[in-house]
Every structure is written in structure tokens, then in C-alpha cells.
């Protein structure tokens, strides 16, 4: 709740109302954790930030499957780790005219 406020997604003290209105999910102002976040994935140290990066990349490329946020143009990554380590990064779609699919990558490079 505190991070919604700290990131400016809602006013200070307004995180509960932000959630109650559904502003943090599909159909609201922002879609937060479309993959389910750490509740669905767990928290393997170091890999959590990479999972966020991958999810945002898939969203911006339009290849996130059932989790896809329609019209995704920007992504915000925020991680607060042990010892107060914090990362905030913004992603935006680059090269929008280059076609891309996960199947193309797998066909070209294989899949482990």
C-alpha cells in the first residue's frame, strides 16, 4: 500500500480507496502485477527483479497471453529488497514496427 502512494499512483493515505475502486487492476487506472507478483511466483532472491523485467517486456511486446494488458505502452518496475535496496525503472516499447513473436525467437534460438 505504501508503495502505491510513494510512487504517486494515488494520493498519500489513499491506497485503500485506490484498491477498493479497482484502480490497481484490469479496467482500472493501472494494471499492477498482471502475473500475480510474488504471491504467485515466490521470491527467489535476485530473480524477482528479472521476472518483473520479463513480464514488462512481454506486456510491451504484446505477447503476455491471458495476462496481456490491452494497449500497454509504458511499464513501471519497482523492487524494494533486503537492506533497503530499491530499483525503479520505466520501460516503453521501442521499434514498434518490427514484428516479434515468442515463437520466432524459439524457432531461431531454441528453448532451454
PDB file of N, CA and C in Angstrom:
ATOM      1  N   UNK A   1       0.819  -1.198   0.000  1.00  0.00           N
ATOM      2  CA  UNK A   1       0.000   0.000   0.000  1.00  0.00           C
ATOM      3  C   UNK A   1       0.859   1.256   0.000  1.00  0.00           C
ATOM      4  N   UNK A   2       1.917   1.208   0.794  1.00  0.00           N
ATOM      5  CA  UNK A   2       2.787   2.383   0.887  1.00  0.00           C
ATOM      6  C   UNK A   2       3.442   2.712  -0.449  1.00  0.00           C
ATOM      7  N   UNK A   3       3.794   1.678  -1.222  1.00  0.00           N
ATOM      8  CA  UNK A   3       4.468   1.929  -2.494  1.00  0.00           C
ATOM      9  C   UNK A   3       3.527   2.568  -3.512  1.00  0.00           C
ATOM     10  N   UNK A   4       2.238   2.236  -3.494  1.00  0.00           N
ATOM     11  CA  UNK A   4       1.294   2.900  -4.394  1.00  0.00           C
ATOM     12  C   UNK A   4       1.337   4.405  -4.148  1.00  0.00           C
ATOM     13  N   UNK A   5       1.380   4.775  -2.871  1.00  0.00           N
ATOM     14  CA  UNK A   5       1.424   6.193  -2.508  1.00  0.00           C
ATOM     15  C   UNK A   5       2.777   6.797  -2.842  1.00  0.00           C
ATOM     16  N   UNK A   6       3.864   6.095  -2.489  1.00  0.00           N
ATOM     17  CA  UNK A   6       5.213   6.619  -2.718  1.00  0.00           C
ATOM     18  C   UNK A   6       5.505   6.815  -4.203  1.00  0.00           C
ATOM     19  N   UNK A   7       4.951   5.963  -5.046  1.00  0.00           N
ATOM     20  CA  UNK A   7       5.162   6.079  -6.486  1.00  0.00           C
ATOM     21  C   UNK A   7       4.238   7.112  -7.123  1.00  0.00           C
ATOM     22  N   UNK A   8       3.321   7.655  -6.339  1.00  0.00           N
ATOM     23  CA  UNK A   8       2.416   8.679  -6.860  1.00  0.00           C
ATOM     24  C   UNK A   8       1.235   8.120  -7.643  1.00  0.00           C
ATOM     25  N   UNK A   9       0.964   6.834  -7.495  1.00  0.00           N
ATOM     26  CA  UNK A   9      -0.176   6.244  -8.188  1.00  0.00           C
ATOM     27  C   UNK A   9      -1.497   6.674  -7.561  1.00  0.00           C
ATOM     28  N   UNK A  10      -1.436   7.083  -6.302  1.00  0.00           N
ATOM     29  CA  UNK A  10      -2.609   7.606  -5.599  1.00  0.00           C
ATOM     30  C   UNK A  10      -2.109   8.616  -4.569  1.00  0.00           C
ATOM     31  N   UNK A  11      -3.025   9.357  -3.993  1.00  0.00           N
ATOM     32  CA  UNK A  11      -2.642  10.368  -3.006  1.00  0.00           C
ATOM     33  C   UNK A  11      -2.212   9.697  -1.697  1.00  0.00           C
ATOM     34  N   UNK A  12      -1.428  10.398  -0.905  1.00  0.00           N
ATOM     35  CA  UNK A  12      -0.989   9.885   0.394  1.00  0.00           C
ATOM     36  C   UNK A  12      -2.207   9.576   1.252  1.00  0.00           C
ATOM     37  N   UNK A  13      -2.223   8.388   1.822  1.00  0.00           N
ATOM     38  CA  UNK A  13      -3.352   7.941   2.628  1.00  0.00           C
ATOM     39  C   UNK A  13      -4.506   7.396   1.806  1.00  0.00           C
ATOM     40  N   UNK A  14      -4.347   7.346   0.482  1.00  0.00           N
ATOM     41  CA  UNK A  14      -5.442   6.937  -0.386  1.00  0.00           C
ATOM     42  C   UNK A  14      -5.310   5.552  -0.997  1.00  0.00           C
ATOM     43  N   UNK A  15      -4.338   4.763  -0.543  1.00  0.00           N
ATOM     44  CA  UNK A  15      -4.104   3.459  -1.174  1.00  0.00           C
ATOM     45  C   UNK A  15      -5.280   2.502  -0.993  1.00  0.00           C
ATOM     46  N   UNK A  16      -5.895   2.485   0.178  1.00  0.00           N
ATOM     47  CA  UNK A  16      -7.030   1.576   0.401  1.00  0.00           C
ATOM     48  C   UNK A  16      -8.178   1.912  -0.547  1.00  0.00           C
ATOM     49  N   UNK A  17      -8.490   3.183  -0.684  1.00  0.00           N
ATOM     50  CA  UNK A  17      -9.565   3.597  -1.595  1.00  0.00           C
ATOM     51  C   UNK A  17      -9.184   3.298  -3.044  1.00  0.00           C
ATOM     52  N   UNK A  18      -7.911   3.471  -3.387  1.00  0.00           N
ATOM     53  CA  UNK A  18      -7.380   3.160  -4.718  1.00  0.00           C
ATOM     54  C   UNK A  18      -7.682   1.707  -5.064  1.00  0.00           C
ATOM     55  N   UNK A  19      -7.431   0.810  -4.125  1.00  0.00           N
ATOM     56  CA  UNK A  19      -7.675  -0.618  -4.324  1.00  0.00           C
ATOM     57  C   UNK A  19      -9.174  -0.905  -4.357  1.00  0.00           C
ATOM     58  N   UNK A  20      -9.916  -0.315  -3.423  1.00  0.00           N
ATOM     59  CA  UNK A  20     -11.366  -0.544  -3.362  1.00  0.00           C
ATOM     60  C   UNK A  20     -12.061  -0.142  -4.662  1.00  0.00           C
ATOM     61  N   UNK A  21     -11.563   0.911  -5.323  1.00  0.00           N
ATOM     62  CA  UNK A  21     -12.136   1.357  -6.601  1.00  0.00           C
ATOM     63  C   UNK A  21     -11.723   0.461  -7.767  1.00  0.00           C
ATOM     64  N   UNK A  22     -10.761  -0.418  -7.530  1.00  0.00           N
ATOM     65  CA  UNK A  22     -10.267  -1.265  -8.614  1.00  0.00           C
ATOM     66  C   UNK A  22      -9.293  -0.556  -9.524  1.00  0.00           C
ATOM     67  N   UNK A  23      -8.689   0.524  -9.032  1.00  0.00           N
ATOM     68  CA  UNK A  23      -7.750   1.291  -9.858  1.00  0.00           C
ATOM     69  C   UNK A  23      -6.405   0.597 -10.037  1.00  0.00           C
ATOM     70  N   UNK A  24      -6.212  -0.557  -9.394  1.00  0.00           N
ATOM     71  CA  UNK A  24      -4.930  -1.260  -9.471  1.00  0.00           C
ATOM     72  C   UNK A  24      -5.017  -2.547 -10.292  1.00  0.00           C
ATOM     73  N   UNK A  25      -6.067  -2.704 -11.100  1.00  0.00           N
ATOM     74  CA  UNK A  25      -6.219  -3.939 -11.853  1.00  0.00           C
ATOM     75  C   UNK A  25      -6.865  -3.667 -13.213  1.00  0.00           C
ATOM     76  N   UNK A  26      -7.081  -4.708 -13.972  1.00  0.00           N
ATOM     77  CA  UNK A  26      -7.690  -4.584 -15.305  1.00  0.00           C
ATOM     78  C   UNK A  26      -8.973  -3.769 -15.216  1.00  0.00           C
ATOM     79  N   UNK A  27      -9.125  -2.802 -16.109  1.00  0.00           N
ATOM     80  CA  UNK A  27     -10.289  -1.934 -16.108  1.00  0.00           C
ATOM     81  C   UNK A  27     -10.130  -0.701 -15.235  1.00  0.00           C
ATOM     82  N   UNK A  28      -9.085  -0.659 -14.400  1.00  0.00           N
ATOM     83  CA  UNK A  28      -8.826   0.494 -13.547  1.00  0.00           C
ATOM     84  C   UNK A  28      -7.815   1.433 -14.181  1.00  0.00           C
ATOM     85  N   UNK A  29      -7.258   2.327 -13.383  1.00  0.00           N
ATOM     86  CA  UNK A  29      -6.284   3.296 -13.904  1.00  0.00           C
ATOM     87  C   UNK A  29      -4.972   2.632 -14.293  1.00  0.00           C
ATOM     88  N   UNK A  30      -4.551   1.640 -13.515  1.00  0.00           N
ATOM     89  CA  UNK A  30      -3.282   0.938 -13.747  1.00  0.00           C
ATOM     90  C   UNK A  30      -3.511  -0.558 -13.561  1.00  0.00           C
ATOM     91  N   UNK A  31      -2.751  -1.365 -14.260  1.00  0.00           N
ATOM     92  CA  UNK A  31      -2.764  -2.806 -14.022  1.00  0.00           C
ATOM     93  C   UNK A  31      -1.460  -3.129 -13.304  1.00  0.00           C
ATOM     94  N   UNK A  32      -1.570  -3.555 -12.067  1.00  0.00           N
ATOM     95  CA  UNK A  32      -0.392  -3.816 -11.238  1.00  0.00           C
ATOM     96  C   UNK A  32      -0.267  -5.314 -11.018  1.00  0.00           C
ATOM     97  N   UNK A  33       0.908  -5.839 -11.285  1.00  0.00           N
ATOM     98  CA  UNK A  33       1.204  -7.268 -11.134  1.00  0.00           C
ATOM     99  C   UNK A  33       0.264  -8.167 -11.930  1.00  0.00           C
ATOM    100  N   UNK A  34       0.182  -8.003 -13.250  1.00  0.00           N
ATOM    101  CA  UNK A  34      -0.711  -8.881 -14.013  1.00  0.00           C
ATOM    102  C   UNK A  34      -0.309 -10.351 -13.930  1.00  0.00           C
ATOM    103  N   UNK A  35       0.949 -10.625 -13.583  1.00  0.00           N
ATOM    104  CA  UNK A  35       1.407 -12.011 -13.450  1.00  0.00           C
ATOM    105  C   UNK A  35       1.106 -12.589 -12.076  1.00  0.00           C
ATOM    106  N   UNK A  36       0.588 -11.765 -11.170  1.00  0.00           N
ATOM    107  CA  UNK A  36       0.323 -12.231  -9.813  1.00  0.00           C
ATOM    108  C   UNK A  36       1.414 -11.853  -8.832  1.00  0.00           C
ATOM    109  N   UNK A  37       2.525 -11.331  -9.340  1.00  0.00           N
ATOM    110  CA  UNK A  37       3.609 -10.888  -8.469  1.00  0.00           C
ATOM    111  C   UNK A  37       4.194 -12.017  -7.634  1.00  0.00           C
ATOM    112  N   UNK A  38       4.765 -11.659  -6.519  1.00  0.00           N
ATOM    113  CA  UNK A  38       5.451 -12.643  -5.674  1.00  0.00           C
ATOM    114  C   UNK A  38       4.488 -13.619  -5.013  1.00  0.00           C
ATOM    115  N   UNK A  39       3.228 -13.254  -4.894  1.00  0.00           N
ATOM    116  CA  UNK A  39       2.258 -14.191  -4.325  1.00  0.00           C
ATOM    117  C   UNK A  39       2.139 -15.417  -5.235  1.00  0.00           C
ATOM    118  N   UNK A  40       2.206 -15.213  -6.543  1.00  0.00           N
ATOM    119  CA  UNK A  40       2.073 -16.352  -7.459  1.00  0.00           C
ATOM    120  C   UNK A  40       3.410 -16.998  -7.797  1.00  0.00           C
ATOM    121  N   UNK A  41       4.501 -16.243  -7.709  1.00  0.00           N
ATOM    122  CA  UNK A  41       5.797 -16.756  -8.157  1.00  0.00           C
ATOM    123  C   UNK A  41       6.762 -17.096  -7.034  1.00  0.00           C
ATOM    124  N   UNK A  42       6.519 -16.582  -5.849  1.00  0.00           N
ATOM    125  CA  UNK A  42       7.519 -16.716  -4.799  1.00  0.00           C
ATOM    126  C   UNK A  42       8.547 -15.612  -4.937  1.00  0.00           C
ATOM    127  N   UNK A  43       9.612 -15.723  -4.160  1.00  0.00           N
ATOM    128  CA  UNK A  43      10.621 -14.662  -4.147  1.00  0.00           C
ATOM    129  C   UNK A  43      12.025 -15.255  -4.139  1.00  0.00           C
ATOM    130  N   UNK A  44      12.445 -15.800  -5.289  1.00  0.00           N
ATOM    131  CA  UNK A  44      13.828 -16.269  -5.366  1.00  0.00           C
ATOM    132  C   UNK A  44      14.753 -15.054  -5.424  1.00  0.00           C
ATOM    133  N   UNK A  45      15.611 -14.908  -4.443  1.00  0.00           N
ATOM    134  CA  UNK A  45      16.453 -13.711  -4.361  1.00  0.00           C
ATOM    135  C   UNK A  45      17.181 -13.470  -5.684  1.00  0.00           C
ATOM    136  N   UNK A  46      17.093 -12.264  -6.151  1.00  0.00           N
ATOM    137  CA  UNK A  46      17.738 -11.868  -7.394  1.00  0.00           C
ATOM    138  C   UNK A  46      16.896 -12.107  -8.630  1.00  0.00           C
ATOM    139  N   UNK A  47      16.100 -13.166  -8.609  1.00  0.00           N
ATOM    140  CA  UNK A  47      15.306 -13.494  -9.792  1.00  0.00           C
ATOM    141  C   UNK A  47      13.994 -12.720  -9.840  1.00  0.00           C
ATOM    142  N   UNK A  48      13.558 -12.186  -8.724  1.00  0.00           N
ATOM    143  CA  UNK A  48      12.278 -11.461  -8.704  1.00  0.00           C
ATOM    144  C   UNK A  48      12.324 -10.253  -9.632  1.00  0.00           C
ATOM    145  N   UNK A  49      13.408  -9.486  -9.576  1.00  0.00           N
ATOM    146  CA  UNK A  49      13.544  -8.322 -10.446  1.00  0.00           C
ATOM    147  C   UNK A  49      13.604  -8.714 -11.909  1.00  0.00           C
ATOM    148  N   UNK A  50      14.270  -9.834 -12.211  1.00  0.00           N
ATOM    149  CA  UNK A  50      14.329 -10.303 -13.595  1.00  0.00           C
ATOM    150  C   UNK A  50      12.954 -10.758 -14.084  1.00  0.00           C
ATOM    151  N   UNK A  51      12.169 -11.370 -13.201  1.00  0.00           N
ATOM    152  CA  UNK A  51      10.810 -11.777 -13.575  1.00  0.00           C
ATOM    153  C   UNK A  51       9.963 -10.543 -13.885  1.00  0.00           C
ATOM    154  N   UNK A  52      10.141  -9.470 -13.117  1.00  0.00           N
ATOM    155  CA  UNK A  52       9.415  -8.232 -13.392  1.00  0.00           C
ATOM    156  C   UNK A  52       9.823  -7.674 -14.757  1.00  0.00           C
ATOM    157  N   UNK A  53      11.110  -7.677 -15.019  1.00  0.00           N
ATOM    158  CA  UNK A  53      11.629  -7.181 -16.300  1.00  0.00           C
ATOM    159  C   UNK A  53      11.045  -7.980 -17.457  1.00  0.00           C
ATOM    160  N   UNK A  54      11.025  -9.293 -17.330  1.00  0.00           N
ATOM    161  CA  UNK A  54      10.483 -10.144 -18.394  1.00  0.00           C
ATOM    162  C   UNK A  54       8.995  -9.862 -18.601  1.00  0.00           C
ATOM    163  N   UNK A  55       8.229  -9.777 -17.508  1.00  0.00           N
ATOM    164  CA  UNK A  55       6.789  -9.527 -17.628  1.00  0.00           C
ATOM    165  C   UNK A  55       6.516  -8.196 -18.323  1.00  0.00           C
ATOM    166  N   UNK A  56       7.246  -7.156 -17.947  1.00  0.00           N
ATOM    167  CA  UNK A  56       7.039  -5.854 -18.583  1.00  0.00           C
ATOM    168  C   UNK A  56       7.399  -5.902 -20.069  1.00  0.00           C
ATOM    169  N   UNK A  57       8.463  -6.591 -20.396  1.00  0.00           N
ATOM    170  CA  UNK A  57       8.871  -6.729 -21.796  1.00  0.00           C
ATOM    171  C   UNK A  57       7.800  -7.470 -22.588  1.00  0.00           C
ATOM    172  N   UNK A  58       7.285  -8.561 -22.034  1.00  0.00           N
ATOM    173  CA  UNK A  58       6.228  -9.315 -22.723  1.00  0.00           C
ATOM    174  C   UNK A  58       4.982  -8.466 -22.896  1.00  0.00           C
ATOM    175  N   UNK A  59       4.637  -7.689 -21.868  1.00  0.00           N
ATOM    176  CA  UNK A  59       3.454  -6.825 -21.963  1.00  0.00           C
ATOM    177  C   UNK A  59       3.625  -5.808 -23.091  1.00  0.00           C
ATOM    178  N   UNK A  60       4.779  -5.173 -23.150  1.00  0.00           N
ATOM    179  CA  UNK A  60       5.004  -4.138 -24.160  1.00  0.00           C
ATOM    180  C   UNK A  60       5.086  -4.729 -25.566  1.00  0.00           C
ATOM    181  N   UNK A  61       5.535  -5.954 -25.674  1.00  0.00           N
ATOM    182  CA  UNK A  61       5.597  -6.616 -26.986  1.00  0.00           C
ATOM    183  C   UNK A  61       4.260  -7.229 -27.384  1.00  0.00           C
ATOM    184  N   UNK A  62       3.322  -7.291 -26.434  1.00  0.00           N
ATOM    185  CA  UNK A  62       2.006  -7.847 -26.743  1.00  0.00           C
ATOM    186  C   UNK A  62       1.973  -9.358 -26.777  1.00  0.00           C
ATOM    187  N   UNK A  63       2.888 -10.007 -26.050  1.00  0.00           N
ATOM    188  CA  UNK A  63       2.969 -11.470 -26.069  1.00  0.00           C
ATOM    189  C   UNK A  63       2.753 -12.073 -24.677  1.00  0.00           C
ATOM    190  N   UNK A  64       1.974 -11.418 -23.837  1.00  0.00           N
ATOM    191  CA  UNK A  64       1.776 -11.880 -22.458  1.00  0.00           C
ATOM    192  C   UNK A  64       0.587 -12.830 -22.305  1.00  0.00           C
ATOM    193  N   UNK A  65      -0.003 -13.241 -23.401  1.00  0.00           N
ATOM    194  CA  UNK A  65      -1.085 -14.220 -23.341  1.00  0.00           C
ATOM    195  C   UNK A  65      -2.295 -13.710 -22.577  1.00  0.00           C
ATOM    196  N   UNK A  66      -2.843 -14.558 -21.699  1.00  0.00           N
ATOM    197  CA  UNK A  66      -4.059 -14.207 -20.949  1.00  0.00           C
ATOM    198  C   UNK A  66      -3.852 -13.014 -20.027  1.00  0.00           C
ATOM    199  N   UNK A  67      -2.600 -12.723 -19.670  1.00  0.00           N
ATOM    200  CA  UNK A  67      -2.298 -11.594 -18.779  1.00  0.00           C
ATOM    201  C   UNK A  67      -2.169 -10.272 -19.530  1.00  0.00           C
ATOM    202  N   UNK A  68      -2.226 -10.306 -20.854  1.00  0.00           N
ATOM    203  CA  UNK A  68      -1.944  -9.118 -21.663  1.00  0.00           C
ATOM    204  C   UNK A  68      -2.812  -7.928 -21.278  1.00  0.00           C
ATOM    205  N   UNK A  69      -2.155  -6.806 -21.055  1.00  0.00           N
ATOM    206  CA  UNK A  69      -2.840  -5.533 -20.816  1.00  0.00           C
ATOM    207  C   UNK A  69      -3.023  -4.876 -22.175  1.00  0.00           C
ATOM    208  N   UNK A  70      -4.264  -4.714 -22.585  1.00  0.00           N
ATOM    209  CA  UNK A  70      -4.577  -4.147 -23.897  1.00  0.00           C
ATOM    210  C   UNK A  70      -3.983  -2.744 -24.034  1.00  0.00           C
ATOM    211  N   UNK A  71      -3.233  -2.536 -25.113  1.00  0.00           N
ATOM    212  CA  UNK A  71      -2.681  -1.216 -25.399  1.00  0.00           C
ATOM    213  C   UNK A  71      -1.515  -0.813 -24.511  1.00  0.00           C
ATOM    214  N   UNK A  72      -0.842  -1.755 -23.869  1.00  0.00           N
ATOM    215  CA  UNK A  72       0.287  -1.413 -22.989  1.00  0.00           C
ATOM    216  C   UNK A  72       1.341  -0.627 -23.759  1.00  0.00           C
ATOM    217  N   UNK A  73       1.721   0.542 -23.222  1.00  0.00           N
ATOM    218  CA  UNK A  73       2.734   1.398 -23.851  1.00  0.00           C
ATOM    219  C   UNK A  73       3.889   1.695 -22.918  1.00  0.00           C
ATOM    220  N   UNK A  74       3.608   1.742 -21.623  1.00  0.00           N
ATOM    221  CA  UNK A  74       4.633   2.019 -20.611  1.00  0.00           C
ATOM    222  C   UNK A  74       4.551   0.976 -19.515  1.00  0.00           C
ATOM    223  N   UNK A  75       5.687   0.670 -18.926  1.00  0.00           N
ATOM    224  CA  UNK A  75       5.718  -0.240 -17.785  1.00  0.00           C
ATOM    225  C   UNK A  75       6.590   0.359 -16.697  1.00  0.00           C
ATOM    226  N   UNK A  76       6.190   0.164 -15.463  1.00  0.00           N
ATOM    227  CA  UNK A  76       6.954   0.652 -14.323  1.00  0.00           C
ATOM    228  C   UNK A  76       7.342  -0.536 -13.463  1.00  0.00           C
ATOM    229  N   UNK A  77       8.626  -0.654 -13.173  1.00  0.00           N
ATOM    230  CA  UNK A  77       9.136  -1.718 -12.314  1.00  0.00           C
ATOM    231  C   UNK A  77       9.607  -1.093 -11.017  1.00  0.00           C
ATOM    232  N   UNK A  78       9.199  -1.685  -9.900  1.00  0.00           N
ATOM    233  CA  UNK A  78       9.630  -1.218  -8.580  1.00  0.00           C
ATOM    234  C   UNK A  78       9.955  -2.434  -7.744  1.00  0.00           C
ATOM    235  N   UNK A  79      11.132  -2.442  -7.164  1.00  0.00           N
ATOM    236  CA  UNK A  79      11.561  -3.521  -6.294  1.00  0.00           C
ATOM    237  C   UNK A  79      12.213  -2.914  -5.065  1.00  0.00           C
ATOM    238  N   UNK A  80      11.796  -3.374  -3.918  1.00  0.00           N
ATOM    239  CA  UNK A  80      12.412  -2.973  -2.649  1.00  0.00           C
ATOM    240  C   UNK A  80      12.964  -4.230  -2.028  1.00  0.00           C
ATOM    241  N   UNK A  81      14.287  -4.290  -1.876  1.00  0.00           N
ATOM    242  CA  UNK A  81      14.922  -5.514  -1.418  1.00  0.00           C
ATOM    243  C   UNK A  81      15.532  -5.396  -0.039  1.00  0.00           C
ATOM    244  N   UNK A  82      16.262  -6.441   0.313  1.00  0.00           N
ATOM    245  CA  UNK A  82      16.926  -6.501   1.608  1.00  0.00           C
ATOM    246  C   UNK A  82      17.880  -5.329   1.791  1.00  0.00           C
ATOM    247  N   UNK A  83      17.940  -4.816   2.969  1.00  0.00           N
ATOM    248  CA  UNK A  83      18.847  -3.721   3.266  1.00  0.00           C
ATOM    249  C   UNK A  83      18.422  -2.393   2.681  1.00  0.00           C
ATOM    250  N   UNK A  84      17.203  -2.322   2.176  1.00  0.00           N
ATOM    251  CA  UNK A  84      16.709  -1.065   1.628  1.00  0.00           C
ATOM    252  C   UNK A  84      17.100  -0.828   0.184  1.00  0.00           C
ATOM    253  N   UNK A  85      17.648  -1.845  -0.500  1.00  0.00           N
ATOM    254  CA  UNK A  85      17.975  -1.692  -1.918  1.00  0.00           C
ATOM    255  C   UNK A  85      16.674  -1.469  -2.687  1.00  0.00           C
ATOM    256  N   UNK A  86      16.664  -0.464  -3.547  1.00  0.00           N
ATOM    257  CA  UNK A  86      15.436  -0.127  -4.261  1.00  0.00           C
ATOM    258  C   UNK A  86      15.751   0.149  -5.733  1.00  0.00           C
ATOM    259  N   UNK A  87      14.912  -0.374  -6.597  1.00  0.00           N
ATOM    260  CA  UNK A  87      15.035  -0.120  -8.028  1.00  0.00           C
ATOM    261  C   UNK A  87      13.686   0.363  -8.533  1.00  0.00           C
ATOM    262  N   UNK A  88      13.698   1.434  -9.290  1.00  0.00           N
ATOM    263  CA  UNK A  88      12.513   1.900 -10.000  1.00  0.00           C
ATOM    264  C   UNK A  88      12.955   2.143 -11.435  1.00  0.00           C
ATOM    265  N   UNK A  89      12.287   1.501 -12.377  1.00  0.00           N
ATOM    266  CA  UNK A  89      12.646   1.652 -13.790  1.00  0.00           C
ATOM    267  C   UNK A  89      11.382   1.809 -14.619  1.00  0.00           C
ATOM    268  N   UNK A  90      11.485   2.595 -15.670  1.00  0.00           N
ATOM    269  CA  UNK A  90      10.386   2.753 -16.629  1.00  0.00           C
ATOM    270  C   UNK A  90      10.774   2.071 -17.933  1.00  0.00           C
ATOM    271  N   UNK A  91       9.825   1.399 -18.522  1.00  0.00           N
ATOM    272  CA  UNK A  91      10.009   0.735 -19.802  1.00  0.00           C
ATOM    273  C   UNK A  91       9.008   1.339 -20.779  1.00  0.00           C
ATOM    274  N   UNK A  92       9.414   1.428 -22.031  1.00  0.00           N
ATOM    275  CA  UNK A  92       8.462   1.782 -23.074  1.00  0.00           C
ATOM    276  C   UNK A  92       8.808   0.982 -24.303  1.00  0.00           C
ATOM    277  N   UNK A  93       7.825   0.789 -25.135  1.00  0.00           N
ATOM    278  CA  UNK A  93       8.022  -0.025 -26.317  1.00  0.00           C
ATOM    279  C   UNK A  93       8.893   0.706 -27.321  1.00  0.00           C
ATOM    280  N   UNK A  94       9.931   0.052 -27.785  1.00  0.00           N
ATOM    281  CA  UNK A  94      10.796   0.587 -28.822  1.00  0.00           C
ATOM    282  C   UNK A  94      10.600  -0.190 -30.107  1.00  0.00           C
ATOM    283  N   UNK A  95      10.955   0.376 -31.201  1.00  0.00           N
ATOM    284  CA  UNK A  95      10.871  -0.274 -32.503  1.00  0.00           C
ATOM    285  C   UNK A  95       9.485  -0.867 -32.751  1.00  0.00           C
ATOM    286  N   UNK A  96       8.426  -0.060 -32.657  1.00  0.00           N
ATOM    287  CA  UNK A  96       7.070  -0.601 -32.749  1.00  0.00           C
ATOM    288  C   UNK A  96       6.705  -1.203 -34.097  1.00  0.00           C
ATOM    289  N   UNK A  97       7.495  -0.964 -35.132  1.00  0.00           N
ATOM    290  CA  UNK A  97       7.140  -1.514 -36.442  1.00  0.00           C
ATOM    291  C   UNK A  97       7.823  -2.841 -36.730  1.00  0.00           C
ATOM    292  N   UNK A  98       8.695  -3.306 -35.828  1.00  0.00           N
ATOM    293  CA  UNK A  98       9.383  -4.574 -36.044  1.00  0.00           C
ATOM    294  C   UNK A  98       8.506  -5.697 -35.493  1.00  0.00           C
ATOM    295  N   UNK A  99       8.076  -6.647 -36.343  1.00  0.00           N
ATOM    296  CA  UNK A  99       7.239  -7.744 -35.850  1.00  0.00           C
ATOM    297  C   UNK A  99       8.047  -8.654 -34.939  1.00  0.00           C
ATOM    298  N   UNK A 100       7.398  -9.187 -33.911  1.00  0.00           N
ATOM    299  CA  UNK A 100       8.077 -10.043 -32.949  1.00  0.00           C
ATOM    300  C   UNK A 100       7.088 -11.051 -32.404  1.00  0.00           C
ATOM    301  N   UNK A 101       7.540 -12.264 -32.232  1.00  0.00           N
ATOM    302  CA  UNK A 101       6.732 -13.242 -31.519  1.00  0.00           C
ATOM    303  C   UNK A 101       7.667 -14.179 -30.761  1.00  0.00           C
ATOM    304  N   UNK A 102       7.182 -14.711 -29.665  1.00  0.00           N
ATOM    305  CA  UNK A 102       7.962 -15.658 -28.878  1.00  0.00           C
ATOM    306  C   UNK A 102       8.287 -16.876 -29.733  1.00  0.00           C
ATOM    307  N   UNK A 103       7.351 -17.287 -30.571  1.00  0.00           N
ATOM    308  CA  UNK A 103       7.578 -18.438 -31.435  1.00  0.00           C
ATOM    309  C   UNK A 103       8.752 -18.192 -32.383  1.00  0.00           C
ATOM    310  N   UNK A 104       8.895 -16.969 -32.899  1.00  0.00           N
ATOM    311  CA  UNK A 104      10.027 -16.637 -33.767  1.00  0.00           C
ATOM    312  C   UNK A 104      11.351 -16.808 -33.034  1.00  0.00           C
ATOM    313  N   UNK A 105      11.404 -16.335 -31.801  1.00  0.00           N
ATOM    314  CA  UNK A 105      12.634 -16.438 -31.015  1.00  0.00           C
ATOM    315  C   UNK A 105      12.968 -17.894 -30.743  1.00  0.00           C
ATOM    316  N   UNK A 106      11.979 -18.677 -30.365  1.00  0.00           N
ATOM    317  CA  UNK A 106      12.213 -20.098 -30.092  1.00  0.00           C
ATOM    318  C   UNK A 106      12.683 -20.807 -31.353  1.00  0.00           C
ATOM    319  N   UNK A 107      12.072 -20.498 -32.493  1.00  0.00           N
ATOM    320  CA  UNK A 107      12.468 -21.134 -33.747  1.00  0.00           C
ATOM    321  C   UNK A 107      13.899 -20.776 -34.118  1.00  0.00           C
ATOM    322  N   UNK A 108      14.304 -19.510 -33.880  1.00  0.00           N
ATOM    323  CA  UNK A 108      15.635 -19.067 -34.234  1.00  0.00           C
ATOM    324  C   UNK A 108      16.721 -19.546 -33.271  1.00  0.00           C
ATOM    325  N   UNK A 109      16.402 -19.535 -31.984  1.00  0.00           N
ATOM    326  CA  UNK A 109      17.438 -19.744 -30.978  1.00  0.00           C
ATOM    327  C   UNK A 109      17.233 -20.993 -30.126  1.00  0.00           C
ATOM    328  N   UNK A 110      16.113 -21.659 -30.270  1.00  0.00           N
ATOM    329  CA  UNK A 110      15.830 -22.824 -29.435  1.00  0.00           C
ATOM    330  C   UNK A 110      15.294 -22.373 -28.078  1.00  0.00           C
ATOM    331  N   UNK A 111      14.918 -23.342 -27.291  1.00  0.00           N
ATOM    332  CA  UNK A 111      14.375 -23.040 -25.964  1.00  0.00           C
ATOM    333  C   UNK A 111      14.948 -24.026 -24.979  1.00  0.00           C
ATOM    334  N   UNK A 112      15.459 -23.521 -23.868  1.00  0.00           N
ATOM    335  CA  UNK A 112      16.003 -24.382 -22.815  1.00  0.00           C
ATOM    336  C   UNK A 112      14.976 -24.647 -21.785  1.00  0.00           C
TER     337      UNK A 112
END
